[in-house]
Amino acid sequence: MVSKFPELADDPVNFRPAHLVCNQMRGDDDPHIDIGTPSEDW
């Protein structure tokens, strides 16, 4: 997102931990979260 909004680079609220491969796959798209099949419908 910093590529589109450089002012966010120094905003501490914008920081979050992530694995290297997750960051590389994500790029500046929305995060891909795949936690598997839920045990029940919510």
C-alpha atoms as a PDB file:
ATOM      1  CA  MET A   1       0.000   0.000   0.000  1.00  0.00           C
ATOM      2  CA  VAL A   2       2.931   2.309   0.565  1.00  0.00           C
ATOM      3  CA  SER A   3       3.556   2.297  -3.184  1.00  0.00           C
ATOM      4  CA  LYS A   4       0.164   3.976  -3.630  1.00  0.00           C
ATOM      5  CA  PHE A   5       0.204   6.043  -0.412  1.00  0.00           C
ATOM      6  CA  PRO A   6       3.824   6.903   0.516  1.00  0.00           C
ATOM      7  CA  GLU A   7       2.696   8.989   3.498  1.00  0.00           C
ATOM      8  CA  LEU A   8       1.738   5.722   5.256  1.00  0.00           C
ATOM      9  CA  ALA A   9       5.355   4.494   5.328  1.00  0.00           C
ATOM     10  CA  ASP A  10       6.100   6.149   8.688  1.00  0.00           C
ATOM     11  CA  ASP A  11       2.670   5.630  10.291  1.00  0.00           C
ATOM     12  CA  PRO A  12       3.169   3.173  13.209  1.00  0.00           C
ATOM     13  CA  VAL A  13      -0.459   1.986  12.906  1.00  0.00           C
ATOM     14  CA  ASN A  14       0.372   0.732   9.406  1.00  0.00           C
ATOM     15  CA  PHE A  15       2.991  -1.769  10.638  1.00  0.00           C
ATOM     16  CA  ARG A  16       2.059  -5.427  11.089  1.00  0.00           C
ATOM     17  CA  PRO A  17       4.109  -8.606  11.240  1.00  0.00           C
ATOM     18  CA  ALA A  18       4.122 -10.881   8.215  1.00  0.00           C
ATOM     19  CA  HIS A  19       6.133 -13.729   6.766  1.00  0.00           C
ATOM     20  CA  LEU A  20       8.481 -12.893   3.900  1.00  0.00           C
ATOM     21  CA  VAL A  21       6.675 -15.149   1.420  1.00  0.00           C
ATOM     22  CA  CYS A  22       3.287 -13.707   2.445  1.00  0.00           C
ATOM     23  CA  ASN A  23       4.579 -10.194   1.777  1.00  0.00           C
ATOM     24  CA  GLN A  24       6.035 -11.232  -1.565  1.00  0.00           C
ATOM     25  CA  MET A  25       2.794 -12.935  -2.657  1.00  0.00           C
ATOM     26  CA  ARG A  26       0.644 -10.054  -1.494  1.00  0.00           C
ATOM     27  CA  GLY A  27       2.382  -7.143  -3.168  1.00  0.00           C
ATOM     28  CA  ASP A  28      -0.043  -4.247  -2.807  1.00  0.00           C
ATOM     29  CA  ASP A  29      -3.204  -6.374  -3.061  1.00  0.00           C
ATOM     30  CA  ASP A  30      -5.480  -7.258  -0.156  1.00  0.00           C
ATOM     31  CA  PRO A  31      -4.089  -9.960   2.149  1.00  0.00           C
ATOM     32  CA  HIS A  32      -4.837 -13.568   1.193  1.00  0.00           C
ATOM     33  CA  ILE A  33      -5.982 -15.411   4.304  1.00  0.00           C
ATOM     34  CA  ASP A  34      -6.579 -19.120   3.876  1.00  0.00           C
ATOM     35  CA  ILE A  35      -7.226 -20.818   7.203  1.00  0.00           C
ATOM     36  CA  GLY A  36      -8.809 -23.935   5.771  1.00  0.00           C
ATOM     37  CA  THR A  37     -12.336 -25.286   6.049  1.00  0.00           C
ATOM     38  CA  PRO A  38     -14.329 -24.097   9.080  1.00  0.00           C
ATOM     39  CA  SER A  39     -15.650 -26.762  11.435  1.00  0.00           C
ATOM     40  CA  GLU A  40     -19.123 -25.215  11.293  1.00  0.00           C
ATOM     41  CA  ASP A  41     -20.987 -22.534   9.323  1.00  0.00           C
ATOM     42  CA  TRP A  42     -20.954 -19.083  10.877  1.00  0.00           C
END
